[in-house]
Amino acid sequence: MADVLMETGHYYSIDVEEELKEKIRLYESAALQYKRAGNIAEEAYACKMTGDCYHCWENMMKHSCI
């Protein structure tokens, strides 16, 4: 199931606020499932992707305040 969440997340844009929120939710859910399954490598990748999305979110919020 975690693989499906990750794959689904890839289809959401990082340029649209609501889609970025959903992408983050999917990646966070996948990371939790990988952790429960003991798949450390995939958990790490999901966490990295989540972090990248939060970085995009931060940039989006900075630009919307200008």
N, C-alpha and C. Protein backbone atom coordinates (compact mmCIF):
# COMPACT_ATOMS: atom_id res chain seq x y z
N MET A 1 0.82 -1.20 0.00
CA MET A 1 0.00 0.00 0.00
C MET A 1 0.86 1.26 0.00
N ALA A 2 1.99 1.23 0.71
CA ALA A 2 2.86 2.41 0.77
C ALA A 2 3.37 2.77 -0.62
N ASP A 3 3.68 1.75 -1.42
CA ASP A 3 4.15 2.02 -2.78
C ASP A 3 3.08 2.74 -3.59
N VAL A 4 1.83 2.36 -3.38
CA VAL A 4 0.72 3.01 -4.08
C VAL A 4 0.59 4.47 -3.65
N LEU A 5 0.75 4.72 -2.36
CA LEU A 5 0.67 6.10 -1.86
C LEU A 5 1.78 6.95 -2.47
N MET A 6 2.99 6.40 -2.53
CA MET A 6 4.11 7.14 -3.12
C MET A 6 3.85 7.43 -4.59
N GLU A 7 3.42 6.41 -5.32
CA GLU A 7 3.16 6.58 -6.75
C GLU A 7 2.05 7.60 -6.98
N THR A 8 1.01 7.55 -6.19
CA THR A 8 -0.09 8.51 -6.32
C THR A 8 0.41 9.92 -6.04
N GLY A 9 1.26 10.07 -5.05
CA GLY A 9 1.81 11.38 -4.72
C GLY A 9 2.57 12.03 -5.86
N HIS A 10 3.18 11.19 -6.69
CA HIS A 10 3.95 11.71 -7.82
C HIS A 10 3.06 12.44 -8.83
N TYR A 11 1.77 12.17 -8.82
CA TYR A 11 0.86 12.78 -9.79
C TYR A 11 0.34 14.16 -9.36
N TYR A 12 0.61 14.53 -8.13
CA TYR A 12 0.15 15.83 -7.63
C TYR A 12 1.22 16.89 -7.87
N SER A 13 0.78 18.09 -8.16
CA SER A 13 1.67 19.20 -8.46
C SER A 13 2.26 19.82 -7.20
N ILE A 14 3.47 20.35 -7.33
CA ILE A 14 4.06 21.11 -6.24
C ILE A 14 3.76 22.60 -6.39
N ASP A 15 3.07 22.96 -7.46
CA ASP A 15 2.79 24.37 -7.75
C ASP A 15 1.38 24.81 -7.37
N VAL A 16 0.56 23.88 -6.94
CA VAL A 16 -0.82 24.17 -6.56
C VAL A 16 -0.97 23.81 -5.08
N GLU A 17 -1.35 24.77 -4.28
CA GLU A 17 -1.36 24.59 -2.82
C GLU A 17 -2.12 23.35 -2.36
N GLU A 18 -3.33 23.16 -2.81
CA GLU A 18 -4.13 22.02 -2.36
C GLU A 18 -3.51 20.70 -2.80
N GLU A 19 -2.93 20.67 -3.99
CA GLU A 19 -2.29 19.45 -4.46
C GLU A 19 -1.02 19.16 -3.67
N LEU A 20 -0.28 20.19 -3.33
CA LEU A 20 0.93 20.02 -2.53
C LEU A 20 0.58 19.48 -1.15
N LYS A 21 -0.49 19.97 -0.56
CA LYS A 21 -0.94 19.45 0.74
C LYS A 21 -1.26 17.97 0.65
N GLU A 22 -1.94 17.57 -0.41
CA GLU A 22 -2.29 16.16 -0.58
C GLU A 22 -1.04 15.32 -0.82
N LYS A 23 -0.11 15.83 -1.58
CA LYS A 23 1.16 15.14 -1.84
C LYS A 23 1.89 14.88 -0.52
N ILE A 24 1.95 15.88 0.34
CA ILE A 24 2.59 15.74 1.64
C ILE A 24 1.86 14.70 2.47
N ARG A 25 0.55 14.73 2.49
CA ARG A 25 -0.23 13.76 3.26
C ARG A 25 0.05 12.34 2.78
N LEU A 26 0.09 12.16 1.48
CA LEU A 26 0.35 10.83 0.92
C LEU A 26 1.75 10.33 1.29
N TYR A 27 2.74 11.20 1.14
CA TYR A 27 4.11 10.80 1.45
C TYR A 27 4.29 10.51 2.94
N GLU A 28 3.66 11.30 3.79
CA GLU A 28 3.74 11.05 5.24
C GLU A 28 3.08 9.71 5.59
N SER A 29 1.96 9.42 4.98
CA SER A 29 1.29 8.14 5.22
C SER A 29 2.15 6.98 4.75
N ALA A 30 2.77 7.15 3.59
CA ALA A 30 3.64 6.10 3.07
C ALA A 30 4.82 5.87 4.00
N ALA A 31 5.43 6.95 4.49
CA ALA A 31 6.57 6.81 5.41
C ALA A 31 6.18 6.02 6.65
N LEU A 32 5.01 6.29 7.19
CA LEU A 32 4.53 5.57 8.37
C LEU A 32 4.33 4.08 8.06
N GLN A 33 3.77 3.79 6.90
CA GLN A 33 3.55 2.39 6.53
C GLN A 33 4.88 1.66 6.30
N TYR A 34 5.83 2.34 5.65
CA TYR A 34 7.14 1.72 5.47
C TYR A 34 7.80 1.44 6.82
N LYS A 35 7.65 2.38 7.75
CA LYS A 35 8.22 2.20 9.09
C LYS A 35 7.62 0.98 9.77
N ARG A 36 6.30 0.87 9.70
CA ARG A 36 5.61 -0.28 10.32
C ARG A 36 6.06 -1.60 9.71
N ALA A 37 6.38 -1.56 8.41
CA ALA A 37 6.82 -2.77 7.71
C ALA A 37 8.31 -3.05 7.91
N GLY A 38 9.02 -2.11 8.52
CA GLY A 38 10.44 -2.28 8.74
C GLY A 38 11.29 -2.02 7.51
N ASN A 39 10.73 -1.34 6.52
CA ASN A 39 11.45 -1.04 5.28
C ASN A 39 12.13 0.32 5.42
N ILE A 40 13.31 0.30 6.00
CA ILE A 40 14.02 1.53 6.36
C ILE A 40 14.39 2.36 5.13
N ALA A 41 14.84 1.70 4.07
CA ALA A 41 15.26 2.43 2.87
C ALA A 41 14.09 3.20 2.25
N GLU A 42 12.96 2.54 2.12
CA GLU A 42 11.80 3.21 1.53
C GLU A 42 11.22 4.26 2.47
N GLU A 43 11.30 4.00 3.77
CA GLU A 43 10.85 5.00 4.74
C GLU A 43 11.70 6.27 4.60
N ALA A 44 13.01 6.08 4.47
CA ALA A 44 13.92 7.22 4.31
C ALA A 44 13.60 8.00 3.04
N TYR A 45 13.34 7.28 1.96
CA TYR A 45 13.00 7.95 0.70
C TYR A 45 11.69 8.74 0.84
N ALA A 46 10.70 8.15 1.48
CA ALA A 46 9.41 8.85 1.68
C ALA A 46 9.61 10.09 2.54
N CYS A 47 10.47 9.98 3.56
CA CYS A 47 10.76 11.15 4.41
C CYS A 47 11.49 12.23 3.62
N LYS A 48 12.41 11.83 2.75
CA LYS A 48 13.13 12.79 1.91
C LYS A 48 12.15 13.52 0.99
N MET A 49 11.25 12.77 0.37
CA MET A 49 10.27 13.37 -0.53
C MET A 49 9.34 14.31 0.24
N THR A 50 8.96 13.92 1.44
CA THR A 50 8.13 14.78 2.28
C THR A 50 8.86 16.08 2.60
N GLY A 51 10.13 15.96 2.96
CA GLY A 51 10.95 17.15 3.24
C GLY A 51 11.06 18.07 2.04
N ASP A 52 11.24 17.48 0.87
CA ASP A 52 11.29 18.28 -0.35
C ASP A 52 9.99 19.04 -0.55
N CYS A 53 8.88 18.38 -0.27
CA CYS A 53 7.57 19.03 -0.41
C CYS A 53 7.40 20.17 0.59
N TYR A 54 7.87 19.96 1.82
CA TYR A 54 7.79 21.03 2.81
C TYR A 54 8.66 22.21 2.40
N HIS A 55 9.77 21.94 1.74
CA HIS A 55 10.62 23.02 1.23
C HIS A 55 9.85 23.81 0.17
N CYS A 56 9.17 23.11 -0.72
CA CYS A 56 8.34 23.78 -1.74
C CYS A 56 7.23 24.58 -1.08
N TRP A 57 6.63 24.02 -0.03
CA TRP A 57 5.56 24.71 0.70
C TRP A 57 6.08 26.01 1.29
N GLU A 58 7.27 25.92 1.90
CA GLU A 58 7.87 27.11 2.50
C GLU A 58 8.11 28.19 1.44
N ASN A 59 8.62 27.79 0.30
CA ASN A 59 8.84 28.75 -0.79
C ASN A 59 7.53 29.33 -1.29
N MET A 60 6.51 28.50 -1.36
CA MET A 60 5.20 28.97 -1.82
C MET A 60 4.65 30.02 -0.87
N MET A 61 4.79 29.79 0.42
CA MET A 61 4.28 30.73 1.41
C MET A 61 5.07 32.04 1.39
N LYS A 62 6.36 31.98 1.16
CA LYS A 62 7.17 33.19 1.07
C LYS A 62 6.73 34.04 -0.11
N HIS A 63 6.49 33.40 -1.24
CA HIS A 63 6.12 34.14 -2.45
C HIS A 63 4.70 34.67 -2.39
N SER A 64 3.83 34.02 -1.64
CA SER A 64 2.45 34.49 -1.57
C SER A 64 2.32 35.72 -0.67
N CYS A 65 3.33 35.95 0.15
CA CYS A 65 3.30 37.10 1.07
C CYS A 65 3.87 38.35 0.42
N ILE A 66 4.43 38.22 -0.75
CA ILE A 66 5.06 39.37 -1.41
C ILE A 66 4.03 40.20 -2.15
